[in-house]
């Protein structure tokens, strides 16, 4: 994935489902010139500053699954990503619990450097 040519389209991206409104942190698009099409994503950013990383992970996964299911219904062209800092990735996703989630294709991740405000990795299960 290209780190540079994304345009933020929604901050936040509002999902209306039934009587409920949910808010994904960002919506973005990227023009794909060769295909004359757009790639669209939704990004939920998590800081993992709660009492435990595992508790934060459980909450983030629940939110991710809920948003993903709603996006499939409302905007199936959008791909959902969970964004975490490099340090959260190292603490959780380089450990067996995070590797299990990635190996089982539970989520797509973006890692970023919060100080430089730059994306470091796109992690897309194959």
N, C-alpha and C. Protein backbone atom coordinates (compact mmCIF):
# COMPACT_ATOMS: atom_id res chain seq x y z
N UNK A 1 0.84 -1.19 0.00
CA UNK A 1 0.00 0.00 0.00
C UNK A 1 0.88 1.25 0.00
N UNK A 2 0.46 2.23 -0.70
CA UNK A 2 1.16 3.50 -0.80
C UNK A 2 0.83 4.36 0.42
N UNK A 3 1.84 4.92 1.06
CA UNK A 3 1.62 5.75 2.25
C UNK A 3 1.22 7.17 1.92
N UNK A 4 1.38 7.62 0.69
CA UNK A 4 1.34 9.05 0.44
C UNK A 4 0.08 9.58 -0.22
N UNK A 5 -0.51 8.85 -1.14
CA UNK A 5 -1.54 9.45 -1.97
C UNK A 5 -2.96 9.23 -1.44
N UNK A 6 -3.10 9.08 -0.15
CA UNK A 6 -4.42 8.93 0.44
C UNK A 6 -5.01 10.29 0.76
N UNK A 7 -6.30 10.44 0.51
CA UNK A 7 -7.03 11.66 0.84
C UNK A 7 -8.06 11.32 1.90
N UNK A 8 -8.02 12.02 3.02
CA UNK A 8 -9.02 11.79 4.06
C UNK A 8 -10.34 12.39 3.59
N UNK A 9 -11.37 11.55 3.62
CA UNK A 9 -12.69 11.98 3.15
C UNK A 9 -13.67 12.20 4.30
N UNK A 10 -13.43 11.55 5.42
CA UNK A 10 -14.31 11.67 6.58
C UNK A 10 -13.48 11.63 7.85
N UNK A 11 -13.76 12.53 8.78
CA UNK A 11 -13.05 12.56 10.06
C UNK A 11 -14.03 13.04 11.13
N UNK A 12 -14.83 12.16 11.69
CA UNK A 12 -14.88 10.70 11.55
C UNK A 12 -15.82 10.27 10.42
N UNK A 13 -15.76 8.98 10.10
CA UNK A 13 -16.68 8.36 9.16
C UNK A 13 -17.89 7.88 9.96
N UNK A 14 -19.06 8.44 9.66
CA UNK A 14 -20.28 8.08 10.39
C UNK A 14 -20.96 6.91 9.70
N UNK A 15 -21.27 5.89 10.49
CA UNK A 15 -22.03 4.74 10.01
C UNK A 15 -23.39 4.77 10.70
N UNK A 16 -24.43 4.91 9.93
CA UNK A 16 -25.79 4.89 10.48
C UNK A 16 -26.36 3.50 10.22
N UNK A 17 -26.72 2.82 11.30
CA UNK A 17 -27.25 1.47 11.17
C UNK A 17 -28.44 1.34 12.09
N UNK A 18 -29.63 1.21 11.51
CA UNK A 18 -30.84 1.23 12.32
C UNK A 18 -30.96 2.58 12.99
N UNK A 19 -31.22 2.57 14.28
CA UNK A 19 -31.34 3.82 15.06
C UNK A 19 -30.00 4.26 15.65
N UNK A 20 -28.94 3.54 15.35
CA UNK A 20 -27.64 3.80 15.96
C UNK A 20 -26.69 4.48 14.99
N UNK A 21 -25.89 5.39 15.53
CA UNK A 21 -24.80 6.01 14.79
C UNK A 21 -23.49 5.52 15.41
N UNK A 22 -22.58 5.09 14.56
CA UNK A 22 -21.25 4.68 15.00
C UNK A 22 -20.24 5.54 14.26
N UNK A 23 -19.07 5.71 14.86
CA UNK A 23 -18.08 6.62 14.30
C UNK A 23 -16.72 5.93 14.18
N UNK A 24 -16.33 5.65 12.96
CA UNK A 24 -14.99 5.15 12.68
C UNK A 24 -14.10 6.38 12.58
N UNK A 25 -12.88 6.30 13.09
CA UNK A 25 -12.03 7.48 13.18
C UNK A 25 -11.81 8.20 11.86
N UNK A 26 -11.52 7.46 10.78
CA UNK A 26 -11.23 8.11 9.50
C UNK A 26 -11.80 7.31 8.33
N UNK A 27 -12.16 8.03 7.29
CA UNK A 27 -12.44 7.44 6.00
C UNK A 27 -11.47 8.08 5.02
N UNK A 28 -10.96 7.29 4.07
CA UNK A 28 -9.99 7.83 3.11
C UNK A 28 -10.16 7.14 1.77
N UNK A 29 -9.62 7.79 0.74
CA UNK A 29 -9.64 7.19 -0.59
C UNK A 29 -8.31 7.46 -1.27
N UNK A 30 -8.02 6.62 -2.25
CA UNK A 30 -6.81 6.74 -3.04
C UNK A 30 -7.18 6.49 -4.49
N UNK A 31 -6.79 7.37 -5.36
CA UNK A 31 -7.04 7.15 -6.79
C UNK A 31 -6.01 6.16 -7.33
N UNK A 32 -6.50 5.19 -8.06
CA UNK A 32 -5.64 4.20 -8.69
C UNK A 32 -5.63 4.49 -10.18
N UNK A 33 -4.66 5.24 -10.62
CA UNK A 33 -4.63 5.76 -11.98
C UNK A 33 -4.66 4.65 -13.03
N UNK A 34 -3.90 3.61 -12.81
CA UNK A 34 -3.82 2.54 -13.81
C UNK A 34 -5.17 1.87 -14.00
N UNK A 35 -5.97 1.79 -12.94
CA UNK A 35 -7.26 1.12 -13.03
C UNK A 35 -8.41 2.11 -13.23
N UNK A 36 -8.11 3.40 -13.16
CA UNK A 36 -9.14 4.45 -13.23
C UNK A 36 -10.25 4.16 -12.22
N UNK A 37 -9.82 3.81 -11.02
CA UNK A 37 -10.77 3.47 -9.95
C UNK A 37 -10.26 4.06 -8.65
N UNK A 38 -11.03 3.85 -7.61
CA UNK A 38 -10.66 4.33 -6.29
C UNK A 38 -10.52 3.15 -5.34
N UNK A 39 -9.62 3.30 -4.40
CA UNK A 39 -9.52 2.38 -3.28
C UNK A 39 -10.00 3.16 -2.07
N UNK A 40 -10.92 2.57 -1.29
CA UNK A 40 -11.48 3.27 -0.14
C UNK A 40 -11.23 2.46 1.12
N UNK A 41 -10.85 3.17 2.18
CA UNK A 41 -10.60 2.50 3.45
C UNK A 41 -11.29 3.26 4.58
N UNK A 42 -11.49 2.54 5.67
CA UNK A 42 -11.91 3.13 6.94
C UNK A 42 -10.85 2.72 7.96
N UNK A 43 -10.49 3.64 8.83
CA UNK A 43 -9.41 3.38 9.78
C UNK A 43 -9.88 3.69 11.19
N UNK A 44 -9.78 2.70 12.06
CA UNK A 44 -10.06 2.89 13.47
C UNK A 44 -8.72 2.93 14.19
N UNK A 45 -8.44 4.05 14.84
CA UNK A 45 -7.16 4.27 15.50
C UNK A 45 -7.30 3.97 16.98
N UNK A 46 -6.42 3.14 17.51
CA UNK A 46 -6.46 2.77 18.92
C UNK A 46 -5.12 3.07 19.59
N UNK A 47 -5.20 3.66 20.78
CA UNK A 47 -3.98 4.06 21.49
C UNK A 47 -3.53 3.05 22.54
N UNK A 48 -4.41 2.17 23.00
CA UNK A 48 -4.06 1.16 24.00
C UNK A 48 -3.45 1.79 25.25
N UNK A 49 -4.22 2.68 25.88
CA UNK A 49 -3.73 3.36 27.08
C UNK A 49 -4.52 2.96 28.33
N UNK A 50 -5.32 1.89 28.22
CA UNK A 50 -6.13 1.43 29.35
C UNK A 50 -5.30 0.69 30.37
N UNK A 51 -6.01 0.04 31.28
CA UNK A 51 -5.32 -0.64 32.39
C UNK A 51 -4.50 -1.83 31.95
N UNK A 52 -4.87 -2.47 30.80
CA UNK A 52 -4.05 -3.57 30.30
C UNK A 52 -4.16 -3.63 28.78
N UNK A 53 -3.06 -4.03 28.16
CA UNK A 53 -3.05 -4.16 26.70
C UNK A 53 -4.06 -5.20 26.21
N UNK A 54 -4.19 -6.29 26.97
CA UNK A 54 -5.11 -7.34 26.55
C UNK A 54 -6.56 -6.85 26.64
N UNK A 55 -6.90 -6.11 27.68
CA UNK A 55 -8.23 -5.54 27.81
C UNK A 55 -8.50 -4.58 26.64
N UNK A 56 -7.54 -3.73 26.34
CA UNK A 56 -7.68 -2.81 25.20
C UNK A 56 -7.82 -3.57 23.88
N UNK A 57 -7.08 -4.66 23.74
CA UNK A 57 -7.15 -5.47 22.53
C UNK A 57 -8.53 -6.10 22.39
N UNK A 58 -9.06 -6.62 23.48
CA UNK A 58 -10.40 -7.21 23.44
C UNK A 58 -11.44 -6.18 22.99
N UNK A 59 -11.38 -4.99 23.53
CA UNK A 59 -12.32 -3.93 23.15
C UNK A 59 -12.12 -3.51 21.69
N UNK A 60 -10.88 -3.38 21.28
CA UNK A 60 -10.59 -2.98 19.90
C UNK A 60 -11.09 -4.03 18.91
N UNK A 61 -10.91 -5.32 19.24
CA UNK A 61 -11.38 -6.38 18.35
C UNK A 61 -12.90 -6.39 18.24
N UNK A 62 -13.58 -6.19 19.36
CA UNK A 62 -15.03 -6.12 19.32
C UNK A 62 -15.51 -4.98 18.46
N UNK A 63 -14.90 -3.83 18.61
CA UNK A 63 -15.26 -2.66 17.82
C UNK A 63 -14.95 -2.91 16.34
N UNK A 64 -13.80 -3.49 16.06
CA UNK A 64 -13.39 -3.78 14.70
C UNK A 64 -14.40 -4.71 14.02
N UNK A 65 -14.80 -5.78 14.70
CA UNK A 65 -15.75 -6.73 14.14
C UNK A 65 -17.09 -6.06 13.88
N UNK A 66 -17.56 -5.25 14.82
CA UNK A 66 -18.82 -4.53 14.65
C UNK A 66 -18.76 -3.60 13.45
N UNK A 67 -17.72 -2.78 13.37
CA UNK A 67 -17.57 -1.85 12.25
C UNK A 67 -17.44 -2.59 10.92
N UNK A 68 -16.69 -3.68 10.92
CA UNK A 68 -16.49 -4.43 9.69
C UNK A 68 -17.82 -5.00 9.19
N UNK A 69 -18.60 -5.57 10.07
CA UNK A 69 -19.89 -6.13 9.66
C UNK A 69 -20.82 -5.05 9.13
N UNK A 70 -20.82 -3.89 9.76
CA UNK A 70 -21.68 -2.79 9.30
C UNK A 70 -21.18 -2.26 7.96
N UNK A 71 -19.88 -2.12 7.81
CA UNK A 71 -19.34 -1.66 6.51
C UNK A 71 -19.69 -2.63 5.39
N UNK A 72 -19.66 -3.91 5.66
CA UNK A 72 -20.02 -4.90 4.63
C UNK A 72 -21.45 -4.67 4.16
N UNK A 73 -22.33 -4.29 5.08
CA UNK A 73 -23.73 -4.02 4.74
C UNK A 73 -23.90 -2.68 4.00
N UNK A 74 -23.24 -1.63 4.51
CA UNK A 74 -23.48 -0.28 4.02
C UNK A 74 -22.54 0.17 2.91
N UNK A 75 -21.27 -0.15 3.04
CA UNK A 75 -20.26 0.32 2.09
C UNK A 75 -19.24 -0.79 1.83
N UNK A 76 -19.66 -1.84 1.13
CA UNK A 76 -18.78 -3.01 0.96
C UNK A 76 -17.49 -2.73 0.20
N UNK A 77 -17.42 -1.58 -0.47
CA UNK A 77 -16.18 -1.24 -1.19
C UNK A 77 -15.08 -0.74 -0.25
N UNK A 78 -15.43 -0.40 0.98
CA UNK A 78 -14.44 0.10 1.94
C UNK A 78 -13.80 -1.05 2.70
N UNK A 79 -12.49 -0.96 2.87
CA UNK A 79 -11.73 -1.95 3.64
C UNK A 79 -11.39 -1.32 4.99
N UNK A 80 -11.66 -2.05 6.07
CA UNK A 80 -11.42 -1.55 7.41
C UNK A 80 -10.04 -1.96 7.90
N UNK A 81 -9.35 -1.00 8.51
CA UNK A 81 -8.05 -1.24 9.13
C UNK A 81 -8.08 -0.79 10.58
N UNK A 82 -7.36 -1.49 11.42
CA UNK A 82 -7.09 -1.05 12.79
C UNK A 82 -5.71 -0.43 12.77
N UNK A 83 -5.59 0.81 13.26
CA UNK A 83 -4.30 1.49 13.29
C UNK A 83 -3.78 1.52 14.73
N UNK A 84 -2.53 1.11 14.90
CA UNK A 84 -1.88 1.11 16.21
C UNK A 84 -0.48 1.68 16.07
N UNK A 85 0.04 2.19 17.17
CA UNK A 85 1.41 2.71 17.14
C UNK A 85 2.40 1.56 16.98
N UNK A 86 3.60 1.90 16.58
CA UNK A 86 4.66 0.90 16.46
C UNK A 86 4.89 0.18 17.78
N UNK A 87 4.86 0.91 18.89
CA UNK A 87 5.11 0.28 20.19
C UNK A 87 4.01 -0.70 20.56
N UNK A 88 2.75 -0.37 20.27
CA UNK A 88 1.65 -1.31 20.53
C UNK A 88 1.84 -2.56 19.66
N UNK A 89 2.20 -2.36 18.41
CA UNK A 89 2.44 -3.51 17.53
C UNK A 89 3.52 -4.41 18.12
N UNK A 90 4.63 -3.82 18.54
CA UNK A 90 5.72 -4.61 19.11
C UNK A 90 5.29 -5.33 20.39
N UNK A 91 4.52 -4.65 21.24
CA UNK A 91 4.10 -5.24 22.52
C UNK A 91 3.05 -6.32 22.37
N UNK A 92 2.19 -6.21 21.38
CA UNK A 92 1.08 -7.15 21.24
C UNK A 92 1.16 -8.07 20.03
N UNK A 93 1.48 -7.51 18.88
CA UNK A 93 1.38 -8.29 17.65
C UNK A 93 2.66 -9.02 17.29
N UNK A 94 3.73 -8.75 18.01
CA UNK A 94 4.95 -9.54 17.88
C UNK A 94 4.98 -10.66 18.91
N UNK A 95 3.97 -10.70 19.75
CA UNK A 95 3.80 -11.73 20.78
C UNK A 95 2.84 -12.81 20.25
N UNK A 96 2.83 -13.98 20.87
CA UNK A 96 1.96 -15.07 20.39
C UNK A 96 0.49 -14.68 20.24
N UNK A 97 -0.07 -13.88 21.16
CA UNK A 97 -1.49 -13.53 21.08
C UNK A 97 -1.79 -12.72 19.81
N UNK A 98 -0.94 -11.78 19.49
CA UNK A 98 -1.14 -10.98 18.29
C UNK A 98 -0.84 -11.75 17.02
N UNK A 99 0.19 -12.59 17.06
CA UNK A 99 0.52 -13.42 15.90
C UNK A 99 -0.63 -14.37 15.57
N UNK A 100 -1.31 -14.86 16.62
CA UNK A 100 -2.46 -15.72 16.41
C UNK A 100 -3.56 -14.98 15.65
N UNK A 101 -3.85 -13.75 16.06
CA UNK A 101 -4.88 -12.95 15.38
C UNK A 101 -4.51 -12.71 13.92
N UNK A 102 -3.27 -12.39 13.66
CA UNK A 102 -2.83 -12.14 12.28
C UNK A 102 -2.84 -13.43 11.47
N UNK A 103 -2.39 -14.51 12.07
CA UNK A 103 -2.35 -15.80 11.36
C UNK A 103 -3.77 -16.27 11.01
N UNK A 104 -4.73 -15.96 11.88
CA UNK A 104 -6.12 -16.38 11.64
C UNK A 104 -6.91 -15.34 10.85
N UNK A 105 -6.22 -14.34 10.29
CA UNK A 105 -6.82 -13.34 9.41
C UNK A 105 -7.95 -12.57 10.08
N UNK A 106 -7.78 -12.22 11.35
CA UNK A 106 -8.82 -11.53 12.10
C UNK A 106 -8.91 -10.05 11.77
N UNK A 107 -7.80 -9.44 11.36
CA UNK A 107 -7.84 -8.01 11.11
C UNK A 107 -6.72 -7.57 10.20
N UNK A 108 -6.93 -6.39 9.64
CA UNK A 108 -5.92 -5.71 8.84
C UNK A 108 -5.38 -4.58 9.70
N UNK A 109 -4.07 -4.41 9.71
CA UNK A 109 -3.42 -3.43 10.58
C UNK A 109 -2.65 -2.39 9.81
N UNK A 110 -2.61 -1.21 10.39
CA UNK A 110 -1.69 -0.16 9.98
C UNK A 110 -0.89 0.18 11.23
N UNK A 111 0.42 0.23 11.11
CA UNK A 111 1.22 0.72 12.22
C UNK A 111 1.74 2.10 11.85
N UNK A 112 1.85 2.96 12.87
CA UNK A 112 2.27 4.32 12.59
C UNK A 112 3.16 4.85 13.70
N UNK A 113 3.94 5.85 13.36
CA UNK A 113 4.77 6.57 14.31
C UNK A 113 4.01 7.83 14.71
N UNK A 114 3.53 7.91 15.96
CA UNK A 114 2.71 9.06 16.34
C UNK A 114 3.47 10.38 16.38
N UNK A 115 4.76 10.33 16.64
CA UNK A 115 5.55 11.58 16.68
C UNK A 115 5.77 12.15 15.29
N UNK A 116 6.09 11.27 14.35
CA UNK A 116 6.32 11.72 12.97
C UNK A 116 5.03 11.78 12.16
N UNK A 117 3.96 11.21 12.72
CA UNK A 117 2.67 11.15 12.03
C UNK A 117 2.81 10.52 10.65
N UNK A 118 3.44 9.35 10.63
CA UNK A 118 3.67 8.66 9.37
C UNK A 118 3.35 7.17 9.54
N UNK A 119 2.79 6.59 8.49
CA UNK A 119 2.50 5.16 8.47
C UNK A 119 3.81 4.41 8.28
N UNK A 120 3.99 3.37 9.09
CA UNK A 120 5.20 2.55 8.99
C UNK A 120 4.94 1.25 8.24
N UNK A 121 3.80 0.59 8.53
CA UNK A 121 3.52 -0.71 7.89
C UNK A 121 2.04 -0.85 7.58
N UNK A 122 1.75 -1.53 6.50
CA UNK A 122 0.42 -2.03 6.19
C UNK A 122 0.52 -3.54 6.37
N UNK A 123 -0.28 -4.11 7.24
CA UNK A 123 -0.22 -5.55 7.49
C UNK A 123 -1.55 -6.14 7.07
N UNK A 124 -1.51 -6.84 5.94
CA UNK A 124 -2.71 -7.39 5.33
C UNK A 124 -2.55 -8.91 5.29
N UNK A 125 -3.38 -9.64 6.04
CA UNK A 125 -3.26 -11.09 6.00
C UNK A 125 -3.50 -11.61 4.60
N UNK A 126 -2.71 -12.60 4.21
CA UNK A 126 -2.88 -13.15 2.86
C UNK A 126 -3.81 -14.34 2.87
